Amino acid sequence: MFAPRFQPVLFAFIMSGFMAFLMSGILTFINLGWFAEFFSAWLKAYLYAHVCAFPLVFIFAPLSRKLAAKLTGQG
């Protein structure tokens, strides 16, 4: 179990992992179609995507929360 202070980092890691996994799979298929080494190419794309996505989610999640709060009248 992690201390509550790690929640923002864990959130960013998990969210970026899900998004990078799904988007890299979709974009690999759109760009290359189905082929014998599809899953290998997807995994490689996912690893690159997650390395980029993690810091971006960590940076932009607070801004996104604030903007969503303002747009819903809660901020």
PDB file of N, CA and C in Angstrom:
ATOM      1  N   MET A   1       0.848  -1.178   0.000  1.00  0.00           N
ATOM      2  CA  MET A   1       0.000   0.000   0.000  1.00  0.00           C
ATOM      3  C   MET A   1       0.892   1.239   0.000  1.00  0.00           C
ATOM      4  N   PHE A   2       0.454   2.253  -0.717  1.00  0.00           N
ATOM      5  CA  PHE A   2       1.222   3.493  -0.822  1.00  0.00           C
ATOM      6  C   PHE A   2       0.634   4.567   0.092  1.00  0.00           C
ATOM      7  N   ALA A   3       1.482   5.476   0.514  1.00  0.00           N
ATOM      8  CA  ALA A   3       1.026   6.602   1.321  1.00  0.00           C
ATOM      9  C   ALA A   3       0.151   7.518   0.464  1.00  0.00           C
ATOM     10  N   PRO A   4      -0.845   8.165   1.063  1.00  0.00           N
ATOM     11  CA  PRO A   4      -1.740   9.044   0.304  1.00  0.00           C
ATOM     12  C   PRO A   4      -1.027  10.139  -0.486  1.00  0.00           C
ATOM     13  N   ARG A   5       0.138  10.545  -0.052  1.00  0.00           N
ATOM     14  CA  ARG A   5       0.855  11.609  -0.758  1.00  0.00           C
ATOM     15  C   ARG A   5       1.284  11.184  -2.162  1.00  0.00           C
ATOM     16  N   PHE A   6       1.323   9.876  -2.424  1.00  0.00           N
ATOM     17  CA  PHE A   6       1.701   9.370  -3.742  1.00  0.00           C
ATOM     18  C   PHE A   6       0.529   9.278  -4.708  1.00  0.00           C
ATOM     19  N   GLN A   7      -0.659   9.643  -4.267  1.00  0.00           N
ATOM     20  CA  GLN A   7      -1.852   9.514  -5.096  1.00  0.00           C
ATOM     21  C   GLN A   7      -1.723  10.230  -6.439  1.00  0.00           C
ATOM     22  N   PRO A   8      -1.249  11.476  -6.501  1.00  0.00           N
ATOM     23  CA  PRO A   8      -1.130  12.130  -7.816  1.00  0.00           C
ATOM     24  C   PRO A   8      -0.177  11.413  -8.775  1.00  0.00           C
ATOM     25  N   VAL A   9       0.916  10.901  -8.261  1.00  0.00           N
ATOM     26  CA  VAL A   9       1.876  10.193  -9.108  1.00  0.00           C
ATOM     27  C   VAL A   9       1.290   8.867  -9.582  1.00  0.00           C
ATOM     28  N   LEU A  10       0.646   8.137  -8.676  1.00  0.00           N
ATOM     29  CA  LEU A  10       0.028   6.867  -9.051  1.00  0.00           C
ATOM     30  C   LEU A  10      -1.103   7.076 -10.051  1.00  0.00           C
ATOM     31  N   PHE A  11      -1.908   8.107  -9.834  1.00  0.00           N
ATOM     32  CA  PHE A  11      -2.980   8.418 -10.778  1.00  0.00           C
ATOM     33  C   PHE A  11      -2.392   8.669 -12.166  1.00  0.00           C
ATOM     34  N   ALA A  12      -1.368   9.499 -12.248  1.00  0.00           N
ATOM     35  CA  ALA A  12      -0.756   9.829 -13.536  1.00  0.00           C
ATOM     36  C   ALA A  12      -0.167   8.586 -14.193  1.00  0.00           C
ATOM     37  N   PHE A  13       0.466   7.726 -13.403  1.00  0.00           N
ATOM     38  CA  PHE A  13       1.071   6.515 -13.958  1.00  0.00           C
ATOM     39  C   PHE A  13       0.009   5.564 -14.497  1.00  0.00           C
ATOM     40  N   ILE A  14      -1.048   5.347 -13.727  1.00  0.00           N
ATOM     41  CA  ILE A  14      -2.114   4.433 -14.141  1.00  0.00           C
ATOM     42  C   ILE A  14      -2.884   4.990 -15.329  1.00  0.00           C
ATOM     43  N   MET A  15      -3.281   6.247 -15.257  1.00  0.00           N
ATOM     44  CA  MET A  15      -4.053   6.854 -16.346  1.00  0.00           C
ATOM     45  C   MET A  15      -3.233   6.893 -17.629  1.00  0.00           C
ATOM     46  N   SER A  16      -1.989   7.285 -17.541  1.00  0.00           N
ATOM     47  CA  SER A  16      -1.152   7.328 -18.741  1.00  0.00           C
ATOM     48  C   SER A  16      -0.914   5.924 -19.291  1.00  0.00           C
ATOM     49  N   GLY A  17      -0.838   4.945 -18.420  1.00  0.00           N
ATOM     50  CA  GLY A  17      -0.672   3.563 -18.871  1.00  0.00           C
ATOM     51  C   GLY A  17      -1.870   3.083 -19.674  1.00  0.00           C
ATOM     52  N   PHE A  18      -3.072   3.325 -19.156  1.00  0.00           N
ATOM     53  CA  PHE A  18      -4.288   2.943 -19.884  1.00  0.00           C
ATOM     54  C   PHE A  18      -4.383   3.663 -21.222  1.00  0.00           C
ATOM     55  N   MET A  19      -4.198   4.966 -21.194  1.00  0.00           N
ATOM     56  CA  MET A  19      -4.348   5.749 -22.419  1.00  0.00           C
ATOM     57  C   MET A  19      -3.270   5.395 -23.447  1.00  0.00           C
ATOM     58  N   ALA A  20      -2.041   5.259 -23.017  1.00  0.00           N
ATOM     59  CA  ALA A  20      -0.964   4.910 -23.947  1.00  0.00           C
ATOM     60  C   ALA A  20      -1.194   3.525 -24.548  1.00  0.00           C
ATOM     61  N   PHE A  21      -1.663   2.581 -23.726  1.00  0.00           N
ATOM     62  CA  PHE A  21      -1.915   1.229 -24.207  1.00  0.00           C
ATOM     63  C   PHE A  21      -2.998   1.223 -25.287  1.00  0.00           C
ATOM     64  N   LEU A  22      -4.114   1.858 -24.989  1.00  0.00           N
ATOM     65  CA  LEU A  22      -5.223   1.869 -25.943  1.00  0.00           C
ATOM     66  C   LEU A  22      -4.899   2.666 -27.200  1.00  0.00           C
ATOM     67  N   MET A  23      -4.363   3.855 -27.035  1.00  0.00           N
ATOM     68  CA  MET A  23      -4.087   4.703 -28.195  1.00  0.00           C
ATOM     69  C   MET A  23      -2.977   4.122 -29.071  1.00  0.00           C
ATOM     70  N   SER A  24      -1.953   3.547 -28.474  1.00  0.00           N
ATOM     71  CA  SER A  24      -0.890   2.964 -29.291  1.00  0.00           C
ATOM     72  C   SER A  24      -1.415   1.771 -30.085  1.00  0.00           C
ATOM     73  N   GLY A  25      -2.297   0.986 -29.494  1.00  0.00           N
ATOM     74  CA  GLY A  25      -2.888  -0.134 -30.223  1.00  0.00           C
ATOM     75  C   GLY A  25      -3.754   0.325 -31.378  1.00  0.00           C
ATOM     76  N   ILE A  26      -4.588   1.312 -31.118  1.00  0.00           N
ATOM     77  CA  ILE A  26      -5.468   1.849 -32.161  1.00  0.00           C
ATOM     78  C   ILE A  26      -4.643   2.443 -33.299  1.00  0.00           C
ATOM     79  N   LEU A  27      -3.667   3.272 -32.951  1.00  0.00           N
ATOM     80  CA  LEU A  27      -2.876   3.939 -33.986  1.00  0.00           C
ATOM     81  C   LEU A  27      -1.940   2.982 -34.723  1.00  0.00           C
ATOM     82  N   THR A  28      -1.448   1.964 -34.036  1.00  0.00           N
ATOM     83  CA  THR A  28      -0.644   0.955 -34.737  1.00  0.00           C
ATOM     84  C   THR A  28      -1.501   0.252 -35.780  1.00  0.00           C
ATOM     85  N   PHE A  29      -2.734  -0.085 -35.397  1.00  0.00           N
ATOM     86  CA  PHE A  29      -3.631  -0.756 -36.342  1.00  0.00           C
ATOM     87  C   PHE A  29      -4.010   0.171 -37.504  1.00  0.00           C
ATOM     88  N   ILE A  30      -4.326   1.428 -37.217  1.00  0.00           N
ATOM     89  CA  ILE A  30      -4.704   2.373 -38.276  1.00  0.00           C
ATOM     90  C   ILE A  30      -3.540   2.569 -39.253  1.00  0.00           C
ATOM     91  N   ASN A  31      -2.347   2.725 -38.733  1.00  0.00           N
ATOM     92  CA  ASN A  31      -1.195   3.021 -39.587  1.00  0.00           C
ATOM     93  C   ASN A  31      -0.628   1.810 -40.315  1.00  0.00           C
ATOM     94  N   LEU A  32      -0.672   0.641 -39.685  1.00  0.00           N
ATOM     95  CA  LEU A  32      -0.002  -0.528 -40.261  1.00  0.00           C
ATOM     96  C   LEU A  32      -0.948  -1.665 -40.624  1.00  0.00           C
ATOM     97  N   GLY A  33      -2.170  -1.619 -40.092  1.00  0.00           N
ATOM     98  CA  GLY A  33      -3.099  -2.715 -40.326  1.00  0.00           C
ATOM     99  C   GLY A  33      -2.696  -3.947 -39.534  1.00  0.00           C
ATOM    100  N   TRP A  34      -3.411  -5.046 -39.791  1.00  0.00           N
ATOM    101  CA  TRP A  34      -3.114  -6.296 -39.096  1.00  0.00           C
ATOM    102  C   TRP A  34      -2.012  -7.035 -39.832  1.00  0.00           C
ATOM    103  N   PHE A  35      -0.969  -7.437 -39.143  1.00  0.00           N
ATOM    104  CA  PHE A  35       0.129  -8.174 -39.754  1.00  0.00           C
ATOM    105  C   PHE A  35       0.742  -9.099 -38.706  1.00  0.00           C
ATOM    106  N   ALA A  36       1.632  -9.958 -39.129  1.00  0.00           N
ATOM    107  CA  ALA A  36       2.167 -11.016 -38.267  1.00  0.00           C
ATOM    108  C   ALA A  36       2.813 -10.487 -36.982  1.00  0.00           C
ATOM    109  N   GLU A  37       3.509  -9.397 -37.063  1.00  0.00           N
ATOM    110  CA  GLU A  37       4.212  -8.850 -35.897  1.00  0.00           C
ATOM    111  C   GLU A  37       3.448  -7.701 -35.231  1.00  0.00           C
ATOM    112  N   PHE A  38       2.128  -7.694 -35.381  1.00  0.00           N
ATOM    113  CA  PHE A  38       1.314  -6.592 -34.861  1.00  0.00           C
ATOM    114  C   PHE A  38       1.537  -6.373 -33.362  1.00  0.00           C
ATOM    115  N   PHE A  39       1.461  -7.429 -32.566  1.00  0.00           N
ATOM    116  CA  PHE A  39       1.564  -7.267 -31.117  1.00  0.00           C
ATOM    117  C   PHE A  39       2.957  -6.798 -30.687  1.00  0.00           C
ATOM    118  N   SER A  40       3.961  -7.207 -31.396  1.00  0.00           N
ATOM    119  CA  SER A  40       5.319  -6.736 -31.118  1.00  0.00           C
ATOM    120  C   SER A  40       5.437  -5.236 -31.409  1.00  0.00           C
ATOM    121  N   ALA A  41       4.891  -4.813 -32.547  1.00  0.00           N
ATOM    122  CA  ALA A  41       4.914  -3.391 -32.908  1.00  0.00           C
ATOM    123  C   ALA A  41       4.090  -2.580 -31.911  1.00  0.00           C
ATOM    124  N   TRP A  42       2.947  -3.140 -31.489  1.00  0.00           N
ATOM    125  CA  TRP A  42       2.086  -2.453 -30.524  1.00  0.00           C
ATOM    126  C   TRP A  42       2.822  -2.263 -29.203  1.00  0.00           C
ATOM    127  N   LEU A  43       3.476  -3.303 -28.721  1.00  0.00           N
ATOM    128  CA  LEU A  43       4.203  -3.210 -27.462  1.00  0.00           C
ATOM    129  C   LEU A  43       5.306  -2.163 -27.537  1.00  0.00           C
ATOM    130  N   LYS A  44       6.029  -2.140 -28.641  1.00  0.00           N
ATOM    131  CA  LYS A  44       7.089  -1.136 -28.803  1.00  0.00           C
ATOM    132  C   LYS A  44       6.486   0.276 -28.796  1.00  0.00           C
ATOM    133  N   ALA A  45       5.396   0.469 -29.531  1.00  0.00           N
ATOM    134  CA  ALA A  45       4.732   1.776 -29.564  1.00  0.00           C
ATOM    135  C   ALA A  45       4.212   2.146 -28.182  1.00  0.00           C
ATOM    136  N   TYR A  46       3.665   1.166 -27.456  1.00  0.00           N
ATOM    137  CA  TYR A  46       3.151   1.418 -26.112  1.00  0.00           C
ATOM    138  C   TYR A  46       4.258   1.891 -25.167  1.00  0.00           C
ATOM    139  N   LEU A  47       5.393   1.249 -25.215  1.00  0.00           N
ATOM    140  CA  LEU A  47       6.489   1.636 -24.320  1.00  0.00           C
ATOM    141  C   LEU A  47       6.942   3.073 -24.583  1.00  0.00           C
ATOM    142  N   TYR A  48       7.065   3.434 -25.849  1.00  0.00           N
ATOM    143  CA  TYR A  48       7.418   4.824 -26.176  1.00  0.00           C
ATOM    144  C   TYR A  48       6.309   5.791 -25.736  1.00  0.00           C
ATOM    145  N   ALA A  49       5.081   5.403 -25.985  1.00  0.00           N
ATOM    146  CA  ALA A  49       3.953   6.275 -25.656  1.00  0.00           C
ATOM    147  C   ALA A  49       3.834   6.494 -24.149  1.00  0.00           C
ATOM    148  N   HIS A  50       4.041   5.434 -23.373  1.00  0.00           N
ATOM    149  CA  HIS A  50       3.895   5.592 -21.922  1.00  0.00           C
ATOM    150  C   HIS A  50       4.995   6.472 -21.345  1.00  0.00           C
ATOM    151  N   VAL A  51       6.184   6.364 -21.878  1.00  0.00           N
ATOM    152  CA  VAL A  51       7.286   7.228 -21.421  1.00  0.00           C
ATOM    153  C   VAL A  51       6.943   8.699 -21.660  1.00  0.00           C
ATOM    154  N   CYS A  52       6.261   8.989 -22.751  1.00  0.00           N
ATOM    155  CA  CYS A  52       5.844  10.368 -23.045  1.00  0.00           C
ATOM    156  C   CYS A  52       4.588  10.756 -22.266  1.00  0.00           C
ATOM    157  N   ALA A  53       3.629   9.841 -22.189  1.00  0.00           N
ATOM    158  CA  ALA A  53       2.331  10.158 -21.597  1.00  0.00           C
ATOM    159  C   ALA A  53       2.406  10.387 -20.090  1.00  0.00           C
ATOM    160  N   PHE A  54       3.228   9.637 -19.389  1.00  0.00           N
ATOM    161  CA  PHE A  54       3.269   9.750 -17.930  1.00  0.00           C
ATOM    162  C   PHE A  54       3.589  11.165 -17.452  1.00  0.00           C
ATOM    163  N   PRO A  55       4.676  11.772 -17.893  1.00  0.00           N
ATOM    164  CA  PRO A  55       4.922  13.140 -17.412  1.00  0.00           C
ATOM    165  C   PRO A  55       3.872  14.133 -17.896  1.00  0.00           C
ATOM    166  N   LEU A  56       3.320  13.907 -19.092  1.00  0.00           N
ATOM    167  CA  LEU A  56       2.300  14.821 -19.600  1.00  0.00           C
ATOM    168  C   LEU A  56       1.033  14.759 -18.764  1.00  0.00           C
ATOM    169  N   VAL A  57       0.590  13.567 -18.399  1.00  0.00           N
ATOM    170  CA  VAL A  57      -0.592  13.433 -17.538  1.00  0.00           C
ATOM    171  C   VAL A  57      -0.297  14.041 -16.173  1.00  0.00           C
ATOM    172  N   PHE A  58       0.876  13.777 -15.651  1.00  0.00           N
ATOM    173  CA  PHE A  58       1.247  14.319 -14.342  1.00  0.00           C
ATOM    174  C   PHE A  58       1.207  15.845 -14.353  1.00  0.00           C
ATOM    175  N   ILE A  59       1.644  16.453 -15.438  1.00  0.00           N
ATOM    176  CA  ILE A  59       1.670  17.915 -15.561  1.00  0.00           C
ATOM    177  C   ILE A  59       0.274  18.483 -15.813  1.00  0.00           C
ATOM    178  N   PHE A  60      -0.489  17.856 -16.705  1.00  0.00           N
ATOM    179  CA  PHE A  60      -1.747  18.443 -17.143  1.00  0.00           C
ATOM    180  C   PHE A  60      -2.975  18.013 -16.350  1.00  0.00           C
ATOM    181  N   ALA A  61      -2.899  17.000 -15.517  1.00  0.00           N
ATOM    182  CA  ALA A  61      -4.060  16.574 -14.731  1.00  0.00           C
ATOM    183  C   ALA A  61      -4.569  17.683 -13.812  1.00  0.00           C
ATOM    184  N   PRO A  62      -3.719  18.386 -13.064  1.00  0.00           N
ATOM    185  CA  PRO A  62      -4.235  19.460 -12.206  1.00  0.00           C
ATOM    186  C   PRO A  62      -4.915  20.575 -13.010  1.00  0.00           C
ATOM    187  N   LEU A  63      -4.331  20.934 -14.137  1.00  0.00           N
ATOM    188  CA  LEU A  63      -4.928  21.954 -14.991  1.00  0.00           C
ATOM    189  C   LEU A  63      -6.291  21.484 -15.525  1.00  0.00           C
ATOM    190  N   SER A  64      -6.365  20.227 -15.913  1.00  0.00           N
ATOM    191  CA  SER A  64      -7.607  19.661 -16.426  1.00  0.00           C
ATOM    192  C   SER A  64      -8.689  19.649 -15.347  1.00  0.00           C
ATOM    193  N   ARG A  65      -8.316  19.294 -14.128  1.00  0.00           N
ATOM    194  CA  ARG A  65      -9.280  19.306 -13.012  1.00  0.00           C
ATOM    195  C   ARG A  65      -9.814  20.715 -12.768  1.00  0.00           C
ATOM    196  N   LYS A  66      -8.922  21.698 -12.773  1.00  0.00           N
ATOM    197  CA  LYS A  66      -9.346  23.090 -12.550  1.00  0.00           C
ATOM    198  C   LYS A  66     -10.264  23.572 -13.660  1.00  0.00           C
ATOM    199  N   LEU A  67      -9.913  23.269 -14.894  1.00  0.00           N
ATOM    200  CA  LEU A  67     -10.742  23.683 -16.023  1.00  0.00           C
ATOM    201  C   LEU A  67     -12.108  23.004 -15.970  1.00  0.00           C
ATOM    202  N   ALA A  68     -12.144  21.720 -15.654  1.00  0.00           N
ATOM    203  CA  ALA A  68     -13.422  21.011 -15.552  1.00  0.00           C
ATOM    204  C   ALA A  68     -14.268  21.589 -14.424  1.00  0.00           C
ATOM    205  N   ALA A  69     -13.636  21.950 -13.313  1.00  0.00           N
ATOM    206  CA  ALA A  69     -14.379  22.555 -12.198  1.00  0.00           C
ATOM    207  C   ALA A  69     -14.967  23.893 -12.598  1.00  0.00           C
ATOM    208  N   LYS A  70     -14.198  24.701 -13.325  1.00  0.00           N
ATOM    209  CA  LYS A  70     -14.719  26.001 -13.776  1.00  0.00           C
ATOM    210  C   LYS A  70     -15.859  25.828 -14.777  1.00  0.00           C
ATOM    211  N   LEU A  71     -15.721  24.876 -15.678  1.00  0.00           N
ATOM    212  CA  LEU A  71     -16.753  24.671 -16.694  1.00  0.00           C
ATOM    213  C   LEU A  71     -18.054  24.103 -16.097  1.00  0.00           C
ATOM    214  N   THR A  72     -17.961  23.482 -14.950  1.00  0.00           N
ATOM    215  CA  THR A  72     -19.167  22.937 -14.305  1.00  0.00           C
ATOM    216  C   THR A  72     -19.645  23.812 -13.157  1.00  0.00           C
ATOM    217  N   GLY A  73     -19.033  24.975 -12.995  1.00  0.00           N
ATOM    218  CA  GLY A  73     -19.451  25.905 -11.967  1.00  0.00           C
ATOM    219  C   GLY A  73     -19.045  25.509 -10.560  1.00  0.00           C
ATOM    220  N   GLN A  74     -18.068  24.651 -10.441  1.00  0.00           N
ATOM    221  CA  GLN A  74     -17.615  24.202  -9.115  1.00  0.00           C
ATOM    222  C   GLN A  74     -16.272  24.804  -8.724  1.00  0.00           C
ATOM    223  N   GLY A  75     -15.768  25.719  -9.549  1.00  0.00           N
ATOM    224  CA  GLY A  75     -14.438  26.235  -9.237  1.00  0.00           C
ATOM    225  C   GLY A  75     -14.336  27.700  -9.212  1.00  0.00           C
TER     226      GLY A  75
END
